[in-house]
Protein backbone atom coordinates (compact mmCIF):
# COMPACT_ATOMS: atom_id res chain seq x y z
CA MET A 1 -26.37 25.66 -5.37
CA SER A 2 -26.88 27.11 -8.81
CA GLU A 3 -28.77 25.13 -11.68
CA ALA A 4 -26.49 23.06 -13.76
CA LYS A 5 -26.29 25.16 -17.02
CA PRO A 6 -24.05 24.93 -20.42
CA PHE A 7 -20.97 27.05 -19.76
CA GLY A 8 -20.88 28.28 -23.50
CA GLY A 9 -18.11 29.86 -25.21
CA ARG A 10 -15.80 28.76 -27.65
CA VAL A 11 -14.93 25.01 -28.46
CA LEU A 12 -11.91 25.34 -30.75
CA THR A 13 -9.48 27.00 -28.43
CA ILE A 14 -5.74 26.47 -28.74
CA PRO A 15 -5.68 23.65 -25.98
CA PHE A 16 -8.34 22.05 -27.64
CA ILE A 17 -6.74 22.03 -30.90
CA LEU A 18 -3.58 20.75 -29.39
CA GLY A 19 -5.49 17.67 -28.07
CA LEU A 20 -6.91 17.31 -31.48
CA LEU A 21 -3.39 17.01 -32.82
CA VAL A 22 -2.69 14.13 -30.22
CA ILE A 23 -5.43 12.45 -31.47
CA ILE A 24 -4.58 12.64 -34.93
CA VAL A 25 -1.31 11.31 -33.88
CA MET A 26 -3.03 8.19 -32.22
CA LEU A 27 -5.33 7.52 -35.11
CA GLY A 28 -1.97 7.40 -37.18
CA PHE A 29 -0.36 4.54 -34.85
CA LEU A 30 -3.78 2.85 -34.83
CA ALA A 31 -3.95 2.74 -38.62
CA GLN A 32 -0.10 1.00 -38.45
CA ARG A 33 -1.46 -1.32 -35.83
CA PHE A 34 -4.58 -2.46 -37.84
CA LEU A 35 -2.25 -2.59 -41.05
CA LEU A 36 0.81 -4.28 -39.62
CA GLY A 37 -0.26 -6.04 -36.55
CA LEU A 38 0.78 -5.75 -32.93
CA GLY A 39 4.54 -6.25 -33.45
CA PRO A 40 5.19 -2.92 -35.16
CA VAL A 41 3.50 -0.56 -32.49
CA SER A 42 3.96 -2.45 -29.48
CA GLY A 43 6.57 -3.76 -26.75
CA MET A 44 4.32 -6.83 -26.17
CA ASN A 45 5.32 -10.62 -26.27
CA ASP A 46 4.40 -13.99 -25.17
CA GLY A 47 5.79 -13.59 -21.57
CA TYR A 48 3.76 -9.90 -21.57
CA PRO A 49 0.71 -10.48 -23.46
CA TRP A 50 -0.72 -7.55 -21.44
CA GLY A 51 0.83 -4.20 -21.82
CA LEU A 52 0.35 -0.60 -21.36
CA TRP A 53 -2.98 -0.84 -23.02
CA ILE A 54 -4.41 -3.10 -20.77
CA ALA A 55 -2.64 -2.43 -17.52
CA TYR A 56 -3.41 1.52 -17.71
CA ASP A 57 -6.22 2.03 -20.40
CA VAL A 58 -8.27 -1.05 -18.78
CA ASN A 59 -7.15 -1.52 -15.31
CA VAL A 60 -6.24 1.75 -14.17
CA GLY A 61 -8.44 3.78 -16.67
CA THR A 62 -11.82 2.24 -15.64
CA ALA A 63 -10.65 2.76 -11.85
CA PHE A 64 -10.41 6.11 -12.53
CA ALA A 65 -13.48 6.05 -14.32
CA CYS A 66 -15.16 4.89 -10.84
CA GLY A 67 -16.22 8.57 -9.77
CA GLY A 68 -20.00 7.82 -11.02
CA TYR A 69 -20.23 4.58 -9.10
CA ALA A 70 -18.39 5.81 -5.85
CA MET A 71 -20.91 9.06 -5.82
CA ALA A 72 -23.84 6.71 -6.55
CA ILE A 73 -23.02 4.77 -3.61
CA LEU A 74 -22.88 7.79 -1.55
CA ILE A 75 -25.84 9.42 -2.81
CA PHE A 76 -28.38 6.74 -3.18
CA ILE A 77 -27.20 4.21 -0.34
CA PHE A 78 -26.15 6.38 2.25
CA ASN A 79 -28.57 9.03 1.06
CA LYS A 80 -26.02 12.11 0.95
CA PHE A 81 -27.83 14.05 -1.61
CA GLU A 82 -25.97 17.17 -0.93
CA TYR A 83 -23.37 15.83 -3.30
CA SER A 84 -25.93 15.51 -6.05
CA PRO A 85 -24.09 18.52 -8.16
CA LEU A 86 -20.93 16.40 -8.36
CA LEU A 87 -23.25 13.40 -9.87
CA LYS A 88 -23.63 14.37 -13.55
CA PRO A 89 -19.83 15.20 -14.33
CA ALA A 90 -18.88 12.21 -12.56
CA VAL A 91 -21.32 9.85 -14.26
CA LEU A 92 -20.11 11.64 -17.75
CA THR A 93 -16.50 10.91 -16.97
CA SER A 94 -16.99 7.44 -15.87
CA PHE A 95 -19.01 6.99 -19.43
CA LEU A 96 -16.14 8.27 -21.44
CA GLY A 97 -13.65 6.32 -19.27
CA TYR A 98 -15.36 2.80 -19.66
CA ALA A 99 -16.49 3.82 -23.25
CA LEU A 100 -12.51 4.41 -24.22
CA ALA A 101 -11.56 1.42 -21.93
CA GLY A 102 -13.61 -0.99 -24.07
CA PHE A 103 -12.09 0.97 -27.37
CA SER A 104 -8.60 0.15 -25.99
CA ILE A 105 -9.58 -3.83 -25.85
CA PHE A 106 -10.35 -3.72 -29.46
CA PHE A 107 -7.07 -2.82 -30.60
CA ASP A 108 -5.25 -4.43 -27.79
CA ILE A 109 -6.31 -8.29 -28.88
CA GLY A 110 -4.53 -9.71 -31.77
CA ARG A 111 -7.80 -11.32 -33.45
CA TYR A 112 -9.84 -8.09 -32.79
CA TRP A 113 -12.31 -9.49 -35.56
CA ASN A 114 -13.33 -12.17 -33.40
CA MET A 115 -14.22 -9.84 -30.25
CA GLN A 116 -17.99 -10.21 -30.90
CA ASN A 117 -17.74 -13.86 -29.74
CA ILE A 118 -17.60 -12.46 -26.05
CA PHE A 119 -21.44 -11.68 -26.52
CA LEU A 120 -22.21 -15.17 -28.24
CA PRO A 121 -23.38 -17.63 -25.71
CA TRP A 122 -22.23 -20.67 -27.35
CA HIS A 123 -18.60 -18.99 -27.04
CA ALA A 124 -19.07 -18.25 -23.41
CA ASN A 125 -16.87 -19.62 -21.10
CA VAL A 126 -19.16 -18.66 -17.98
CA HIS A 127 -15.90 -20.00 -15.47
CA SER A 128 -13.38 -17.07 -16.66
CA ALA A 129 -13.14 -13.95 -14.84
CA MET A 130 -11.74 -12.38 -17.98
CA PHE A 131 -15.18 -13.18 -19.52
CA GLU A 132 -16.93 -11.68 -16.58
CA VAL A 133 -14.81 -8.49 -16.82
CA ALA A 134 -15.66 -8.03 -20.67
CA LEU A 135 -19.37 -8.85 -19.99
CA CYS A 136 -19.74 -6.43 -17.15
CA ILE A 137 -17.74 -3.71 -18.44
CA ALA A 138 -19.74 -3.57 -21.64
CA ALA A 139 -23.12 -3.86 -19.88
CA TYR A 140 -21.86 -0.87 -17.64
CA VAL A 141 -21.01 1.08 -20.77
CA LEU A 142 -24.37 0.79 -21.74
CA VAL A 143 -26.04 1.69 -18.28
CA LEU A 144 -23.64 4.89 -18.33
CA LEU A 145 -24.87 6.04 -21.59
CA ILE A 146 -28.39 5.75 -20.43
CA GLU A 147 -27.59 7.24 -17.10
CA THR A 148 -25.56 10.37 -18.97
CA ALA A 149 -28.38 10.96 -21.47
CA PRO A 150 -30.93 13.41 -19.16
CA PRO A 151 -28.57 16.41 -19.62
CA PHE A 152 -28.26 16.02 -23.44
CA LEU A 153 -31.92 15.24 -23.79
CA GLN A 154 -32.62 18.41 -21.96
CA LYS A 155 -30.25 20.43 -24.32
CA LEU A 156 -31.79 18.70 -27.31
CA LYS A 157 -35.32 19.74 -25.66
CA LEU A 158 -36.30 16.02 -25.76
CA HIS A 159 -38.44 16.67 -22.53
CA ASN A 160 -40.83 13.93 -23.06
CA VAL A 161 -37.97 11.14 -23.28
CA GLU A 162 -36.32 12.82 -20.32
CA ASN A 163 -39.30 12.41 -18.17
CA LYS A 164 -39.94 8.81 -19.52
CA LEU A 165 -36.45 7.84 -18.78
CA SER A 166 -36.46 9.77 -15.10
CA LYS A 167 -39.03 7.23 -14.43
CA VAL A 168 -37.27 4.17 -14.82
CA LEU A 169 -33.53 5.80 -14.19
CA PHE A 170 -33.44 4.12 -10.70
CA ILE A 171 -33.08 0.63 -12.35
CA PHE A 172 -30.32 1.84 -13.97
CA VAL A 173 -28.86 3.59 -10.78
CA ALA A 174 -28.89 0.06 -9.21
CA LEU A 175 -27.20 -1.74 -12.18
CA GLY A 176 -24.41 0.99 -12.07
CA ILE A 177 -23.64 0.01 -8.70
CA LEU A 178 -23.93 -3.79 -9.09
CA LEU A 179 -21.67 -3.89 -12.20
CA PRO A 180 -18.63 -2.17 -11.07
CA THR A 181 -18.58 -4.03 -7.83
CA MET A 182 -18.48 -7.42 -9.70
CA HIS A 183 -15.84 -6.48 -12.49
CA GLN A 184 -13.75 -4.04 -10.20
CA SER A 185 -13.13 -6.86 -7.83
CA SER A 186 -12.57 -9.41 -10.91
CA LEU A 187 -9.67 -7.24 -12.20
CA GLY A 188 -8.09 -8.47 -9.29
CA SER A 189 -9.35 -12.02 -9.60
CA LEU A 190 -7.49 -12.02 -12.78
CA MET A 191 -4.08 -11.49 -11.08
CA VAL A 192 -4.82 -14.27 -8.57
CA LEU A 193 -4.15 -16.49 -11.63
CA GLY A 194 -0.61 -15.15 -11.86
CA GLY A 195 0.30 -17.15 -8.67
CA PRO A 196 4.15 -17.68 -8.52
CA LYS A 197 4.66 -15.37 -11.22
CA MET A 198 3.99 -12.37 -9.39
CA SER A 199 5.90 -10.62 -6.27
CA PRO A 200 4.78 -11.83 -3.04
CA LEU A 201 3.64 -7.98 -2.56
CA TYR A 202 1.31 -7.85 -5.15
CA TRP A 203 -0.02 -11.63 -5.29
CA SER A 204 -2.70 -12.32 -2.65
CA GLN A 205 -6.11 -14.13 -2.40
CA ALA A 206 -7.44 -11.06 -1.09
CA LEU A 207 -6.88 -9.07 -4.62
CA PRO A 208 -10.57 -8.69 -5.66
CA LEU A 209 -10.96 -6.75 -2.19
CA PHE A 210 -7.81 -4.60 -2.73
CA PHE A 211 -9.17 -3.80 -6.14
CA LEU A 212 -12.54 -3.08 -5.06
CA ILE A 213 -11.56 -0.69 -2.17
CA GLY A 214 -8.78 1.04 -4.77
CA ALA A 215 -11.55 1.68 -7.04
CA LEU A 216 -13.68 3.28 -4.49
CA LEU A 217 -10.61 5.22 -3.48
CA LEU A 218 -9.79 6.50 -7.02
CA GLY A 219 -13.69 7.40 -7.40
CA TYR A 220 -13.78 9.65 -4.62
CA ALA A 221 -10.05 11.36 -5.37
CA VAL A 222 -10.81 11.42 -9.17
CA VAL A 223 -14.04 13.31 -8.45
CA ILE A 224 -12.32 15.71 -6.21
CA PHE A 225 -9.10 16.13 -8.61
CA GLU A 226 -11.65 16.67 -11.79
CA ALA A 227 -14.22 19.00 -10.00
CA THR A 228 -11.19 21.44 -8.62
CA LEU A 229 -9.76 21.56 -12.12
CA SER A 230 -12.79 22.15 -13.88
CA GLY A 231 -13.56 24.64 -11.14
CA VAL A 232 -10.44 26.16 -12.31
CA ALA A 233 -10.94 26.01 -15.91
CA PHE A 234 -14.38 27.10 -16.22
CA ASN A 235 -14.18 29.77 -13.14
CA ASN A 236 -16.66 27.43 -11.05
CA PRO A 237 -15.64 27.67 -7.41
CA SER A 238 -19.25 26.69 -5.94
CA GLU A 239 -18.34 23.07 -5.70
CA LEU A 240 -15.23 23.65 -3.22
CA LYS A 241 -17.09 23.44 0.20
CA ILE A 242 -18.47 20.02 -1.11
CA LEU A 243 -15.22 18.84 -2.05
CA LYS A 244 -13.90 19.72 1.22
CA LYS A 245 -16.66 17.58 3.13
CA LEU A 246 -16.34 14.75 0.42
CA SER A 247 -12.33 14.91 1.05
CA ALA A 248 -13.18 12.99 4.58
CA ILE A 249 -13.91 9.88 2.89
CA ILE A 250 -10.49 9.32 1.60
CA PRO A 251 -8.38 9.03 4.71
CA TRP A 252 -10.81 6.16 6.19
CA LEU A 253 -10.43 4.34 2.44
CA VAL A 254 -6.46 4.86 2.37
CA GLY A 255 -6.48 3.39 6.14
CA ILE A 256 -8.24 0.58 5.59
CA PHE A 257 -6.48 -0.18 2.40
CA LEU A 258 -3.35 -0.10 3.88
CA ILE A 259 -4.19 -1.97 7.18
CA VAL A 260 -5.50 -4.93 5.17
CA ARG A 261 -2.85 -4.96 2.68
CA PHE A 262 -0.04 -4.69 5.12
CA GLN A 263 -1.64 -7.16 7.37
CA ASP A 264 -2.09 -9.48 4.28
CA ILE A 265 1.68 -9.29 3.43
CA ASN A 266 2.80 -9.97 6.88
CA ALA A 267 0.28 -13.10 7.23
CA ARG A 268 2.14 -14.49 4.34
CA GLY A 269 5.50 -13.78 5.82
CA ALA A 270 6.36 -11.26 2.66
CA LEU A 271 7.14 -8.19 4.39
CA GLU A 272 10.88 -8.23 3.90
CA ALA A 273 10.36 -8.11 0.32
CA MET A 274 9.46 -4.66 0.45
CA PHE A 275 13.02 -3.63 1.10
CA ALA A 276 14.53 -5.97 -1.61
CA GLY A 277 15.73 -3.44 -3.52
CA ASP A 278 14.00 -4.36 -6.81
CA MET A 279 11.61 -2.83 -8.98
CA ALA A 280 8.61 -4.54 -7.20
CA GLY A 281 9.93 -3.60 -3.78
CA ASN A 282 10.71 0.20 -4.66
CA PHE A 283 7.42 0.66 -6.51
CA PHE A 284 5.59 -0.91 -3.43
CA LEU A 285 7.12 1.51 -1.07
CA LEU A 286 6.50 4.39 -3.66
CA GLU A 287 2.76 3.56 -3.44
CA SER A 288 2.64 3.30 0.19
CA VAL A 289 4.10 6.62 0.64
CA LEU A 290 1.96 8.39 -1.74
CA LEU A 291 -1.05 6.97 -0.18
CA LEU A 292 0.57 7.97 3.66
CA VAL A 293 0.96 11.49 2.34
CA ALA A 294 -2.69 11.43 1.10
CA LEU A 295 -3.62 10.30 4.45
CA PHE A 296 -1.98 12.46 6.64
CA MET A 297 -2.51 15.63 4.65
CA LEU A 298 -6.32 14.87 5.21
CA VAL A 299 -6.53 13.58 8.85
CA PRO A 300 -6.23 16.95 10.38
CA ALA A 301 -9.70 18.32 10.01
CA LYS A 302 -8.22 22.00 9.67
CA ASN A 303 -6.57 20.80 6.46
CA ARG A 304 -9.80 19.92 4.96
CA ALA A 305 -10.61 23.29 4.66
CA ASP A 306 -7.93 24.08 2.44
CA SER A 307 -8.63 23.48 -1.31
CA ARG A 308 -5.27 23.12 -2.08
CA LYS A 309 -4.58 20.50 0.63
CA VAL A 310 -7.48 18.61 -0.52
CA PHE A 311 -6.63 19.02 -4.19
CA TRP A 312 -2.89 17.48 -3.70
CA ALA A 313 -4.34 14.94 -1.21
CA ALA A 314 -6.44 13.66 -3.87
CA PHE A 315 -3.54 14.05 -6.40
CA CYS A 316 -1.39 11.71 -4.23
CA ALA A 317 -4.30 9.29 -3.57
CA LEU A 318 -4.74 9.12 -7.51
CA LEU A 319 -0.88 8.58 -8.16
CA GLY A 320 -0.69 5.59 -5.09
CA ALA A 321 -3.89 3.71 -5.77
CA GLY A 322 -3.42 4.17 -9.53
CA LEU A 323 0.27 3.03 -9.45
CA TYR A 324 -0.61 -0.13 -7.17
CA ARG A 325 -3.23 -1.63 -9.67
CA PHE A 326 -0.59 -0.77 -12.44
CA ASP A 327 2.12 -2.47 -10.64
CA ALA A 328 -0.22 -5.55 -10.15
CA TYR A 329 -0.36 -5.95 -13.65
CA ILE A 330 3.10 -4.98 -14.96
CA ILE A 331 5.75 -4.14 -12.03
CA GLY A 332 4.65 -7.07 -9.71
CA PHE A 333 4.72 -9.35 -12.52
CA SER A 334 7.56 -11.58 -13.98
CA PRO A 335 6.77 -14.70 -16.33
CA GLY A 336 10.66 -15.53 -16.00
CA ASN A 337 12.56 -17.09 -18.94
CA GLY A 338 14.42 -13.95 -19.74
CA TRP A 339 10.89 -12.21 -20.87
CA HIS A 340 11.27 -8.01 -20.49
CA TYR A 341 8.41 -5.35 -21.28
CA PHE A 342 8.44 -1.77 -21.59
CA PRO A 343 5.77 0.28 -23.63
CA THR A 344 6.83 1.54 -27.08
CA THR A 345 6.46 5.25 -28.22
CA PRO A 346 3.25 4.13 -30.07
CA GLU A 347 1.76 2.75 -27.11
CA ILE A 348 2.42 5.45 -25.06
CA LEU A 349 1.28 8.22 -27.53
CA ILE A 350 -1.95 6.02 -28.45
CA THR A 351 -2.42 5.99 -24.67
CA PHE A 352 -2.08 9.86 -24.40
CA GLY A 353 -5.00 9.94 -27.64
CA ILE A 354 -7.17 8.24 -25.47
CA ILE A 355 -6.90 10.52 -22.57
CA ALA A 356 -7.27 13.63 -25.08
CA ILE A 357 -10.38 12.42 -26.32
CA GLU A 358 -12.14 11.90 -22.87
CA ILE A 359 -10.43 15.40 -21.85
CA LEU A 360 -11.77 16.84 -25.15
CA VAL A 361 -15.28 15.47 -25.33
CA PHE A 362 -15.67 16.60 -21.36
CA VAL A 363 -14.74 20.09 -22.38
CA TRP A 364 -17.18 19.99 -25.14
CA ALA A 365 -19.94 18.49 -23.06
CA ALA A 366 -19.53 21.04 -20.11
CA LYS A 367 -19.64 24.24 -22.74
CA ARG A 368 -22.87 22.63 -24.45
CA ALA A 369 -24.80 20.57 -22.04
CA PRO A 370 -26.11 21.32 -18.36
CA LEU A 371 -23.61 19.42 -16.44
CA LEU A 372 -22.17 21.66 -13.86
CA PRO A 373 -23.50 24.51 -11.84
CA LEU A 374 -23.14 27.70 -13.45
CA SER A 375 -21.28 30.39 -11.38
CA GLY A 376 -18.85 32.79 -12.39
CA LYS A 377 -17.44 34.25 -15.69
CA LYS A 378 -17.32 31.95 -18.81
CA SER A 379 -14.23 30.12 -19.35
CA GLN A 380 -12.09 29.91 -22.60
CA ALA A 381 -10.59 26.42 -21.59
């Protein structure tokens, strides 16, 4: 495997400029949000105080950002160091995803000027799952920032700082495994509190377990998805063999997730709800089909030798597991009393802007810092 080096090339390409335009539109709507409040830019209400920004940007977005967490478990706990070339870009993506999730919380809450109270001990509600999630995510962003630093310290030729950091990095690796285990399961705990307001297909005492398994599944799937796309964009096919081997993990996680979830629903006598024909039942079936497609695409070992099948299986796993987490917060939740929610255009465009920031920063970093094994021609992506 080639040593990681910057890919170089122009940063301000046409796709990059288009991404900047999306960010500018996002900033315009954010200005409106902070000047006029949540009402003019969001569809949230007293029945649905959590909308797209929490359901996707935080709940799904942090799970999509679990690639670094998933790879750290594989490499440092199971001693699979052959996957090390995938670690740096996965950790960077995790940092971007978590940092932007924290940013989205800032403009999602009504009284954003009180957000600092989370970090003040005399305001802490230590019995709150939401407090635990907020504190763990904030701590994990700091841990990811430190874990992401070595390639940029190398780029800046701060070798003394890089060497000193490398001696204590194992502490942050350990924290980087502990913290997501805590808050990803707690994101499920938040919806346990929904009780009768949730569809029986989505409510369960086992939600913390489902969310944790889903985070691992999404972590490995997003590493495959991202590495395949970056390999194409940067003309760098050197990681494909590793991805084929990594894909063998996905069927196990999909199988465990589906078996445990279906057994839980069956034990509560709620299986018939999936055929009720309502939104919750239909989306439950869609999630399950997507996950089963991913499972059956990767179960034959010969399929895992085909890069295209590996990519599309990872894509189906991303859609299925990501949709499950979104549905648990929005589709499977009904406060009653006639409340309805649908994201507004500004909400959607702000979310697109957050995604654009993550993509553009990753592209800039790949071209300017040693993140990916250098192979092939320089790309203009």
